[in-house]
PDB file of all heavy atoms in Angstrom:
ATOM      1  N   ASP A   1     234.182 138.962  33.929  1.00  0.00           N
ATOM      2  CA  ASP A   1     233.830 137.804  33.112  1.00  0.00           C
ATOM      3  C   ASP A   1     234.988 137.449  32.189  1.00  0.00           C
ATOM      4  O   ASP A   1     235.317 138.200  31.276  1.00  0.00           O
ATOM      5  CB  ASP A   1     232.575 138.095  32.281  1.00  0.00           C
ATOM      6  CG  ASP A   1     232.108 136.879  31.514  1.00  0.00           C
ATOM      7  OD1 ASP A   1     232.386 135.758  31.966  1.00  0.00           O
ATOM      8  OD2 ASP A   1     231.475 137.053  30.460  1.00  0.00           O
ATOM      9  N   VAL A   2     235.620 136.320  32.448  1.00  0.00           N
ATOM     10  CA  VAL A   2     236.746 135.870  31.632  1.00  0.00           C
ATOM     11  C   VAL A   2     236.457 134.447  31.155  1.00  0.00           C
ATOM     12  O   VAL A   2     236.001 133.609  31.929  1.00  0.00           O
ATOM     13  CB  VAL A   2     238.069 135.887  32.444  1.00  0.00           C
ATOM     14  CG1 VAL A   2     239.250 135.566  31.550  1.00  0.00           C
ATOM     15  CG2 VAL A   2     238.264 137.237  33.105  1.00  0.00           C
ATOM     16  N   LYS A   3     236.692 134.200  29.867  1.00  0.00           N
ATOM     17  CA  LYS A   3     236.386 132.882  29.306  1.00  0.00           C
ATOM     18  C   LYS A   3     237.277 131.807  29.905  1.00  0.00           C
ATOM     19  O   LYS A   3     236.834 130.724  30.243  1.00  0.00           O
ATOM     20  CB  LYS A   3     236.539 132.924  27.784  1.00  0.00           C
ATOM     21  CG  LYS A   3     235.481 133.796  27.102  1.00  0.00           C
ATOM     22  CD  LYS A   3     235.697 133.855  25.605  1.00  0.00           C
ATOM     23  CE  LYS A   3     234.664 134.769  24.951  1.00  0.00           C
ATOM     24  NZ  LYS A   3     234.895 134.890  23.493  1.00  0.00           N
ATOM     25  N   ASP A   4     238.575 132.097  30.003  1.00  0.00           N
ATOM     26  CA  ASP A   4     239.515 131.142  30.592  1.00  0.00           C
ATOM     27  C   ASP A   4     239.276 131.129  32.096  1.00  0.00           C
ATOM     28  O   ASP A   4     239.438 132.143  32.763  1.00  0.00           O
ATOM     29  CB  ASP A   4     240.948 131.587  30.282  1.00  0.00           C
ATOM     30  CG  ASP A   4     241.991 130.761  31.016  1.00  0.00           C
ATOM     31  OD1 ASP A   4     241.609 129.734  31.600  1.00  0.00           O
ATOM     32  OD2 ASP A   4     243.166 131.143  31.004  1.00  0.00           O
ATOM     33  N   LYS A   5     238.876 129.995  32.633  1.00  0.00           N
ATOM     34  CA  LYS A   5     238.512 129.931  34.047  1.00  0.00           C
ATOM     35  C   LYS A   5     239.593 129.303  34.915  1.00  0.00           C
ATOM     36  O   LYS A   5     239.310 128.747  35.964  1.00  0.00           O
ATOM     37  CB  LYS A   5     237.196 129.146  34.211  1.00  0.00           C
ATOM     38  CG  LYS A   5     235.991 129.809  33.571  1.00  0.00           C
ATOM     39  CD  LYS A   5     235.647 131.135  34.245  1.00  0.00           C
ATOM     40  CE  LYS A   5     234.386 131.751  33.649  1.00  0.00           C
ATOM     41  NZ  LYS A   5     234.058 133.053  34.221  1.00  0.00           N
ATOM     42  N   THR A   6     240.839 129.363  34.482  1.00  0.00           N
ATOM     43  CA  THR A   6     241.903 128.782  35.296  1.00  0.00           C
ATOM     44  C   THR A   6     242.845 129.848  35.841  1.00  0.00           C
ATOM     45  O   THR A   6     243.078 129.930  37.035  1.00  0.00           O
ATOM     46  CB  THR A   6     242.707 127.752  34.484  1.00  0.00           C
ATOM     47  OG1 THR A   6     243.135 128.355  33.257  1.00  0.00           O
ATOM     48  CG2 THR A   6     241.876 126.523  34.189  1.00  0.00           C
ATOM     49  N   ARG A   7     243.381 130.681  34.955  1.00  0.00           N
ATOM     50  CA  ARG A   7     244.349 131.695  35.377  1.00  0.00           C
ATOM     51  C   ARG A   7     243.845 133.080  34.982  1.00  0.00           C
ATOM     52  O   ARG A   7     243.492 133.325  33.836  1.00  0.00           O
ATOM     53  CB  ARG A   7     245.698 131.435  34.711  1.00  0.00           C
ATOM     54  CG  ARG A   7     246.790 132.409  35.184  1.00  0.00           C
ATOM     55  CD  ARG A   7     247.995 132.391  34.279  1.00  0.00           C
ATOM     56  NE  ARG A   7     248.462 131.033  34.056  1.00  0.00           N
ATOM     57  CZ  ARG A   7     249.153 130.669  32.988  1.00  0.00           C
ATOM     58  NH1 ARG A   7     249.415 131.528  32.035  1.00  0.00           N
ATOM     59  NH2 ARG A   7     249.554 129.426  32.849  1.00  0.00           N
ATOM     60  N   ALA A   8     243.842 134.008  35.937  1.00  0.00           N
ATOM     61  CA  ALA A   8     243.360 135.363  35.674  1.00  0.00           C
ATOM     62  C   ALA A   8     244.467 136.375  35.943  1.00  0.00           C
ATOM     63  O   ALA A   8     245.194 136.266  36.930  1.00  0.00           O
ATOM     64  CB  ALA A   8     242.156 135.686  36.552  1.00  0.00           C
ATOM     65  N   PHE A   9     244.594 137.367  35.045  1.00  0.00           N
ATOM     66  CA  PHE A   9     245.522 138.470  35.261  1.00  0.00           C
ATOM     67  C   PHE A   9     244.792 139.581  36.017  1.00  0.00           C
ATOM     68  O   PHE A   9     243.639 139.887  35.718  1.00  0.00           O
ATOM     69  CB  PHE A   9     246.056 138.989  33.928  1.00  0.00           C
ATOM     70  CG  PHE A   9     247.020 138.044  33.283  1.00  0.00           C
ATOM     71  CD1 PHE A   9     246.576 136.997  32.494  1.00  0.00           C
ATOM     72  CD2 PHE A   9     248.384 138.184  33.486  1.00  0.00           C
ATOM     73  CE1 PHE A   9     247.457 136.107  31.905  1.00  0.00           C
ATOM     74  CE2 PHE A   9     249.286 137.298  32.910  1.00  0.00           C
ATOM     75  CZ  PHE A   9     248.824 136.260  32.115  1.00  0.00           C
ATOM     76  N   LEU A  10     245.479 140.142  36.982  1.00  0.00           N
ATOM     77  CA  LEU A  10     244.871 141.170  37.816  1.00  0.00           C
ATOM     78  C   LEU A  10     245.865 142.324  37.980  1.00  0.00           C
ATOM     79  O   LEU A  10     246.960 142.143  38.511  1.00  0.00           O
ATOM     80  CB  LEU A  10     244.508 140.577  39.184  1.00  0.00           C
ATOM     81  CG  LEU A  10     243.566 141.378  40.073  1.00  0.00           C
ATOM     82  CD1 LEU A  10     242.841 140.462  41.039  1.00  0.00           C
ATOM     83  CD2 LEU A  10     244.325 142.431  40.863  1.00  0.00           C
ATOM     84  N   LYS A  11     245.479 143.484  37.492  1.00  0.00           N
ATOM     85  CA  LYS A  11     246.366 144.652  37.536  1.00  0.00           C
ATOM     86  C   LYS A  11     246.291 145.316  38.902  1.00  0.00           C
ATOM     87  O   LYS A  11     245.222 145.695  39.363  1.00  0.00           O
ATOM     88  CB  LYS A  11     245.963 145.637  36.442  1.00  0.00           C
ATOM     89  CG  LYS A  11     246.854 146.869  36.359  1.00  0.00           C
ATOM     90  CD  LYS A  11     246.348 147.807  35.284  1.00  0.00           C
ATOM     91  CE  LYS A  11     247.046 149.160  35.346  1.00  0.00           C
ATOM     92  NZ  LYS A  11     246.456 150.115  34.407  1.00  0.00           N
ATOM     93  N   ILE A  12     247.449 145.457  39.550  1.00  0.00           N
ATOM     94  CA  ILE A  12     247.475 146.049  40.885  1.00  0.00           C
ATOM     95  C   ILE A  12     248.259 147.360  40.950  1.00  0.00           C
ATOM     96  O   ILE A  12     248.263 148.030  41.981  1.00  0.00           O
ATOM     97  CB  ILE A  12     248.072 145.069  41.923  1.00  0.00           C
ATOM     98  CG1 ILE A  12     249.577 144.825  41.651  1.00  0.00           C
ATOM     99  CG2 ILE A  12     247.293 143.763  41.955  1.00  0.00           C
ATOM    100  CD1 ILE A  12     250.294 144.104  42.773  1.00  0.00           C
ATOM    101  N   GLN A  13     248.891 147.734  39.838  1.00  0.00           N
ATOM    102  CA  GLN A  13     249.802 148.877  39.894  1.00  0.00           C
ATOM    103  C   GLN A  13     249.913 149.503  38.515  1.00  0.00           C
ATOM    104  O   GLN A  13     249.754 148.833  37.499  1.00  0.00           O
ATOM    105  CB  GLN A  13     251.163 148.393  40.427  1.00  0.00           C
ATOM    106  CG  GLN A  13     252.245 149.419  40.593  1.00  0.00           C
ATOM    107  CD  GLN A  13     253.016 149.689  39.292  1.00  0.00           C
ATOM    108  OE1 GLN A  13     253.057 148.854  38.402  1.00  0.00           O
ATOM    109  NE2 GLN A  13     253.619 150.854  39.192  1.00  0.00           N
ATOM    110  N   GLU A  14     250.185 150.789  38.486  1.00  0.00           N
ATOM    111  CA  GLU A  14     250.318 151.543  37.236  1.00  0.00           C
ATOM    112  C   GLU A  14     251.544 152.448  37.333  1.00  0.00           C
ATOM    113  O   GLU A  14     251.922 152.893  38.416  1.00  0.00           O
ATOM    114  CB  GLU A  14     249.052 152.380  37.025  1.00  0.00           C
ATOM    115  CG  GLU A  14     249.057 153.288  35.821  1.00  0.00           C
ATOM    116  CD  GLU A  14     249.056 152.536  34.505  1.00  0.00           C
ATOM    117  OE1 GLU A  14     250.161 152.186  34.062  1.00  0.00           O
ATOM    118  OE2 GLU A  14     247.975 152.316  33.929  1.00  0.00           O
ATOM    119  N   GLY A  15     252.168 152.732  36.189  1.00  0.00           N
ATOM    120  CA  GLY A  15     253.257 153.709  36.127  1.00  0.00           C
ATOM    121  C   GLY A  15     254.617 153.184  36.538  1.00  0.00           C
ATOM    122  O   GLY A  15     254.768 152.089  37.082  1.00  0.00           O
ATOM    123  N   CYS A  16     255.645 153.995  36.229  1.00  0.00           N
ATOM    124  CA  CYS A  16     257.032 153.603  36.518  1.00  0.00           C
ATOM    125  C   CYS A  16     257.878 154.848  36.757  1.00  0.00           C
ATOM    126  O   CYS A  16     257.756 155.834  36.028  1.00  0.00           O
ATOM    127  CB  CYS A  16     257.599 152.804  35.345  1.00  0.00           C
ATOM    128  SG  CYS A  16     259.308 152.247  35.589  1.00  0.00           S
ATOM    129  N   ASN A  17     258.740 154.779  37.772  1.00  0.00           N
ATOM    130  CA  ASN A  17     259.642 155.889  38.103  1.00  0.00           C
ATOM    131  C   ASN A  17     261.107 155.560  37.822  1.00  0.00           C
ATOM    132  O   ASN A  17     261.999 156.254  38.285  1.00  0.00           O
ATOM    133  CB  ASN A  17     259.506 156.263  39.590  1.00  0.00           C
ATOM    134  CG  ASN A  17     258.151 156.856  39.936  1.00  0.00           C
ATOM    135  OD1 ASN A  17     257.316 157.081  39.059  1.00  0.00           O
ATOM    136  ND2 ASN A  17     257.928 157.106  41.211  1.00  0.00           N
ATOM    137  N   GLN A  18     261.368 154.479  37.074  1.00  0.00           N
ATOM    138  CA  GLN A  18     262.737 154.007  36.901  1.00  0.00           C
ATOM    139  C   GLN A  18     263.533 154.800  35.861  1.00  0.00           C
ATOM    140  O   GLN A  18     264.724 155.017  36.018  1.00  0.00           O
ATOM    141  CB  GLN A  18     262.733 152.524  36.514  1.00  0.00           C
ATOM    142  CG  GLN A  18     262.162 151.605  37.582  1.00  0.00           C
ATOM    143  CD  GLN A  18     262.939 151.636  38.874  1.00  0.00           C
ATOM    144  OE1 GLN A  18     262.554 152.315  39.820  1.00  0.00           O
ATOM    145  NE2 GLN A  18     264.050 150.931  38.916  1.00  0.00           N
ATOM    146  N   TYR A  19     262.914 155.162  34.756  1.00  0.00           N
ATOM    147  CA  TYR A  19     263.549 155.941  33.688  1.00  0.00           C
ATOM    148  C   TYR A  19     264.820 155.292  33.148  1.00  0.00           C
ATOM    149  O   TYR A  19     265.885 155.909  33.083  1.00  0.00           O
ATOM    150  CB  TYR A  19     263.826 157.372  34.144  1.00  0.00           C
ATOM    151  CG  TYR A  19     262.550 158.163  34.325  1.00  0.00           C
ATOM    152  CD1 TYR A  19     261.970 158.289  35.585  1.00  0.00           C
ATOM    153  CD2 TYR A  19     261.914 158.747  33.237  1.00  0.00           C
ATOM    154  CE1 TYR A  19     260.773 158.991  35.757  1.00  0.00           C
ATOM    155  CE2 TYR A  19     260.717 159.442  33.395  1.00  0.00           C
ATOM    156  CZ  TYR A  19     260.157 159.553  34.648  1.00  0.00           C
ATOM    157  OH  TYR A  19     258.978 160.234  34.813  1.00  0.00           O
ATOM    158  N   CYS A  20     264.703 154.028  32.743  1.00  0.00           N
ATOM    159  CA  CYS A  20     265.799 153.394  32.004  1.00  0.00           C
ATOM    160  C   CYS A  20     265.965 154.142  30.683  1.00  0.00           C
ATOM    161  O   CYS A  20     264.977 154.594  30.098  1.00  0.00           O
ATOM    162  CB  CYS A  20     265.482 151.918  31.754  1.00  0.00           C
ATOM    163  SG  CYS A  20     265.251 150.975  33.275  1.00  0.00           S
ATOM    164  N   THR A  21     267.189 154.280  30.215  1.00  0.00           N
ATOM    165  CA  THR A  21     267.453 155.166  29.077  1.00  0.00           C
ATOM    166  C   THR A  21     266.871 154.681  27.754  1.00  0.00           C
ATOM    167  O   THR A  21     266.765 155.454  26.808  1.00  0.00           O
ATOM    168  CB  THR A  21     268.969 155.385  28.909  1.00  0.00           C
ATOM    169  OG1 THR A  21     269.607 154.111  28.730  1.00  0.00           O
ATOM    170  CG2 THR A  21     269.571 156.093  30.103  1.00  0.00           C
ATOM    171  N   TYR A  22     266.495 153.394  27.674  1.00  0.00           N
ATOM    172  CA  TYR A  22     265.952 152.840  26.437  1.00  0.00           C
ATOM    173  C   TYR A  22     264.423 152.830  26.424  1.00  0.00           C
ATOM    174  O   TYR A  22     263.817 152.486  25.408  1.00  0.00           O
ATOM    175  CB  TYR A  22     266.448 151.399  26.230  1.00  0.00           C
ATOM    176  CG  TYR A  22     266.180 150.494  27.416  1.00  0.00           C
ATOM    177  CD1 TYR A  22     264.940 149.892  27.597  1.00  0.00           C
ATOM    178  CD2 TYR A  22     267.166 150.263  28.374  1.00  0.00           C
ATOM    179  CE1 TYR A  22     264.691 149.090  28.691  1.00  0.00           C
ATOM    180  CE2 TYR A  22     266.932 149.464  29.466  1.00  0.00           C
ATOM    181  CZ  TYR A  22     265.685 148.879  29.629  1.00  0.00           C
ATOM    182  OH  TYR A  22     265.442 148.090  30.725  1.00  0.00           O
ATOM    183  N   CYS A  23     263.790 153.200  27.531  1.00  0.00           N
ATOM    184  CA  CYS A  23     262.377 152.897  27.723  1.00  0.00           C
ATOM    185  C   CYS A  23     261.482 154.141  27.702  1.00  0.00           C
ATOM    186  O   CYS A  23     261.731 155.115  28.414  1.00  0.00           O
ATOM    187  CB  CYS A  23     262.196 152.152  29.046  1.00  0.00           C
ATOM    188  SG  CYS A  23     260.518 151.541  29.295  1.00  0.00           S
ATOM    189  N   ILE A  24     260.401 154.060  26.922  1.00  0.00           N
ATOM    190  CA  ILE A  24     259.449 155.157  26.794  1.00  0.00           C
ATOM    191  C   ILE A  24     258.312 155.050  27.819  1.00  0.00           C
ATOM    192  O   ILE A  24     257.539 156.004  28.018  1.00  0.00           O
ATOM    193  CB  ILE A  24     258.854 155.171  25.357  1.00  0.00           C
ATOM    194  CG1 ILE A  24     258.165 156.502  25.043  1.00  0.00           C
ATOM    195  CG2 ILE A  24     257.895 154.010  25.144  1.00  0.00           C
ATOM    196  CD1 ILE A  24     259.086 157.679  24.877  1.00  0.00           C
ATOM    197  N   ILE A  25     258.207 153.921  28.481  1.00  0.00           N
ATOM    198  CA  ILE A  25     257.033 153.639  29.312  1.00  0.00           C
ATOM    199  C   ILE A  25     256.786 154.660  30.439  1.00  0.00           C
ATOM    200  O   ILE A  25     255.630 155.037  30.679  1.00  0.00           O
ATOM    201  CB  ILE A  25     257.107 152.200  29.876  1.00  0.00           C
ATOM    202  CG1 ILE A  25     256.992 151.192  28.729  1.00  0.00           C
ATOM    203  CG2 ILE A  25     256.015 151.942  30.902  1.00  0.00           C
ATOM    204  CD1 ILE A  25     255.743 151.354  27.863  1.00  0.00           C
ATOM    205  N   PRO A  26     257.803 155.150  31.150  1.00  0.00           N
ATOM    206  CA  PRO A  26     257.504 156.158  32.177  1.00  0.00           C
ATOM    207  C   PRO A  26     256.806 157.395  31.619  1.00  0.00           C
ATOM    208  O   PRO A  26     256.008 158.038  32.311  1.00  0.00           O
ATOM    209  CB  PRO A  26     258.892 156.510  32.728  1.00  0.00           C
ATOM    210  CG  PRO A  26     259.710 155.295  32.492  1.00  0.00           C
ATOM    211  CD  PRO A  26     259.230 154.761  31.172  1.00  0.00           C
ATOM    212  N   TYR A  27     257.092 157.729  30.355  1.00  0.00           N
ATOM    213  CA  TYR A  27     256.469 158.888  29.717  1.00  0.00           C
ATOM    214  C   TYR A  27     255.058 158.550  29.215  1.00  0.00           C
ATOM    215  O   TYR A  27     254.219 159.438  29.062  1.00  0.00           O
ATOM    216  CB  TYR A  27     257.326 159.369  28.547  1.00  0.00           C
ATOM    217  CG  TYR A  27     258.775 159.565  28.919  1.00  0.00           C
ATOM    218  CD1 TYR A  27     259.716 158.565  28.676  1.00  0.00           C
ATOM    219  CD2 TYR A  27     259.212 160.744  29.533  1.00  0.00           C
ATOM    220  CE1 TYR A  27     261.055 158.736  29.028  1.00  0.00           C
ATOM    221  CE2 TYR A  27     260.543 160.920  29.875  1.00  0.00           C
ATOM    222  CZ  TYR A  27     261.455 159.913  29.622  1.00  0.00           C
ATOM    223  OH  TYR A  27     262.782 160.075  29.976  1.00  0.00           O
ATOM    224  N   ALA A  28     254.829 157.251  28.965  1.00  0.00           N
ATOM    225  CA  ALA A  28     253.518 156.818  28.475  1.00  0.00           C
ATOM    226  C   ALA A  28     252.559 156.488  29.611  1.00  0.00           C
ATOM    227  O   ALA A  28     251.346 156.671  29.482  1.00  0.00           O
ATOM    228  CB  ALA A  28     253.675 155.587  27.577  1.00  0.00           C
ATOM    229  N   ARG A  29     253.105 156.008  30.708  1.00  0.00           N
ATOM    230  CA  ARG A  29     252.266 155.543  31.811  1.00  0.00           C
ATOM    231  C   ARG A  29     252.280 156.454  33.035  1.00  0.00           C
ATOM    232  O   ARG A  29     251.438 156.310  33.928  1.00  0.00           O
ATOM    233  CB  ARG A  29     252.708 154.130  32.224  1.00  0.00           C
ATOM    234  CG  ARG A  29     252.394 153.062  31.187  1.00  0.00           C
ATOM    235  CD  ARG A  29     250.944 152.651  31.259  1.00  0.00           C
ATOM    236  NE  ARG A  29     250.594 151.621  30.265  1.00  0.00           N
ATOM    237  CZ  ARG A  29     249.457 150.938  30.286  1.00  0.00           C
ATOM    238  NH1 ARG A  29     248.559 151.174  31.222  1.00  0.00           N
ATOM    239  NH2 ARG A  29     249.205 150.053  29.350  1.00  0.00           N
ATOM    240  N   GLY A  30     253.265 157.350  33.090  1.00  0.00           N
ATOM    241  CA  GLY A  30     253.309 158.288  34.200  1.00  0.00           C
ATOM    242  C   GLY A  30     253.915 157.704  35.460  1.00  0.00           C
ATOM    243  O   GLY A  30     254.478 156.602  35.456  1.00  0.00           O
ATOM    244  N   PRO A  31     253.817 158.440  36.579  1.00  0.00           N
ATOM    245  CA  PRO A  31     254.408 157.999  37.838  1.00  0.00           C
ATOM    246  C   PRO A  31     253.651 156.813  38.438  1.00  0.00           C
ATOM    247  O   PRO A  31     252.524 156.510  38.038  1.00  0.00           O
ATOM    248  CB  PRO A  31     254.281 159.233  38.739  1.00  0.00           C
ATOM    249  CG  PRO A  31     253.098 159.973  38.188  1.00  0.00           C
ATOM    250  CD  PRO A  31     253.139 159.743  36.705  1.00  0.00           C
ATOM    251  N   ILE A  32     254.274 156.150  39.393  1.00  0.00           N
ATOM    252  CA  ILE A  32     253.665 154.964  39.999  1.00  0.00           C
ATOM    253  C   ILE A  32     252.377 155.325  40.743  1.00  0.00           C
ATOM    254  O   ILE A  32     252.302 156.324  41.444  1.00  0.00           O
ATOM    255  CB  ILE A  32     254.638 154.231  40.941  1.00  0.00           C
ATOM    256  CG1 ILE A  32     255.173 155.161  42.049  1.00  0.00           C
ATOM    257  CG2 ILE A  32     255.784 153.623  40.170  1.00  0.00           C
ATOM    258  CD1 ILE A  32     255.972 154.435  43.106  1.00  0.00           C
ATOM    259  N   ARG A  33     251.362 154.474  40.539  1.00  0.00           N
ATOM    260  CA  ARG A  33     250.101 154.566  41.280  1.00  0.00           C
ATOM    261  C   ARG A  33     249.686 153.151  41.657  1.00  0.00           C
ATOM    262  O   ARG A  33     249.729 152.245  40.817  1.00  0.00           O
ATOM    263  CB  ARG A  33     248.980 155.201  40.433  1.00  0.00           C
ATOM    264  CG  ARG A  33     249.105 156.691  40.233  1.00  0.00           C
ATOM    265  CD  ARG A  33     249.679 157.029  38.879  1.00  0.00           C
ATOM    266  NE  ARG A  33     248.761 156.736  37.784  1.00  0.00           N
ATOM    267  CZ  ARG A  33     249.168 156.592  36.524  1.00  0.00           C
ATOM    268  NH1 ARG A  33     250.454 156.686  36.209  1.00  0.00           N
ATOM    269  NH2 ARG A  33     248.290 156.359  35.562  1.00  0.00           N
ATOM    270  N   SER A  34     249.312 152.972  42.901  1.00  0.00           N
ATOM    271  CA  SER A  34     248.981 151.637  43.403  1.00  0.00           C
ATOM    272  C   SER A  34     247.484 151.494  43.650  1.00  0.00           C
ATOM    273  O   SER A  34     246.827 152.419  44.125  1.00  0.00           O
ATOM    274  CB  SER A  34     249.733 151.366  44.712  1.00  0.00           C
ATOM    275  OG  SER A  34     251.127 151.518  44.532  1.00  0.00           O
ATOM    276  N   ARG A  35     246.983 150.330  43.339  1.00  0.00           N
ATOM    277  CA  ARG A  35     245.571 150.034  43.573  1.00  0.00           C
ATOM    278  C   ARG A  35     245.352 149.738  45.049  1.00  0.00           C
ATOM    279  O   ARG A  35     246.223 149.181  45.731  1.00  0.00           O
ATOM    280  CB  ARG A  35     245.168 148.825  42.734  1.00  0.00           C
ATOM    281  CG  ARG A  35     243.678 148.561  42.683  1.00  0.00           C
ATOM    282  CD  ARG A  35     243.383 147.388  41.771  1.00  0.00           C
ATOM    283  NE  ARG A  35     241.956 147.223  41.576  1.00  0.00           N
ATOM    284  CZ  ARG A  35     241.410 146.212  40.893  1.00  0.00           C
ATOM    285  NH1 ARG A  35     242.195 145.297  40.347  1.00  0.00           N
ATOM    286  NH2 ARG A  35     240.102 146.120  40.766  1.00  0.00           N
ATOM    287  N   GLY A  36     244.185 150.071  45.558  1.00  0.00           N
ATOM    288  CA  GLY A  36     243.892 149.846  46.968  1.00  0.00           C
ATOM    289  C   GLY A  36     243.836 148.371  47.330  1.00  0.00           C
ATOM    290  O   GLY A  36     243.404 147.532  46.530  1.00  0.00           O
ATOM    291  N   LYS A  37     244.270 148.064  48.545  1.00  0.00           N
ATOM    292  CA  LYS A  37     244.300 146.669  49.012  1.00  0.00           C
ATOM    293  C   LYS A  37     242.909 146.033  48.984  1.00  0.00           C
ATOM    294  O   LYS A  37     242.739 144.896  48.534  1.00  0.00           O
ATOM    295  CB  LYS A  37     244.856 146.619  50.437  1.00  0.00           C
ATOM    296  CG  LYS A  37     245.047 145.211  50.983  1.00  0.00           C
ATOM    297  CD  LYS A  37     245.325 145.208  52.469  1.00  0.00           C
ATOM    298  CE  LYS A  37     246.609 145.900  52.825  1.00  0.00           C
ATOM    299  NZ  LYS A  37     246.941 145.781  54.273  1.00  0.00           N
ATOM    300  N   LEU A  38     241.907 146.757  49.444  1.00  0.00           N
ATOM    301  CA  LEU A  38     240.547 146.217  49.489  1.00  0.00           C
ATOM    302  C   LEU A  38     240.053 145.854  48.098  1.00  0.00           C
ATOM    303  O   LEU A  38     239.472 144.768  47.892  1.00  0.00           O
ATOM    304  CB  LEU A  38     239.600 147.242  50.128  1.00  0.00           C
ATOM    305  CG  LEU A  38     238.121 146.840  50.189  1.00  0.00           C
ATOM    306  CD1 LEU A  38     237.949 145.601  51.065  1.00  0.00           C
ATOM    307  CD2 LEU A  38     237.268 147.991  50.728  1.00  0.00           C
ATOM    308  N   GLU A  39     240.289 146.743  47.116  1.00  0.00           N
ATOM    309  CA  GLU A  39     239.841 146.497  45.743  1.00  0.00           C
ATOM    310  C   GLU A  39     240.533 145.273  45.146  1.00  0.00           C
ATOM    311  O   GLU A  39     239.909 144.482  44.423  1.00  0.00           O
ATOM    312  CB  GLU A  39     240.097 147.722  44.864  1.00  0.00           C
ATOM    313  CG  GLU A  39     239.198 148.921  45.141  1.00  0.00           C
ATOM    314  CD  GLU A  39     239.589 149.700  46.385  1.00  0.00           C
ATOM    315  OE1 GLU A  39     240.700 149.458  46.929  1.00  0.00           O
ATOM    316  OE2 GLU A  39     238.796 150.548  46.816  1.00  0.00           O
TER     317      GLU A  39
END
């Protein structure tokens, strides 16, 4: 249920394996995990 009925954000992936030297996100989000195609 989203109030804005024009554009919806849909998360399909989690995590990052890049480890850029300035970025904390790989440590906060962990390794890459992908959502299933059917879902």
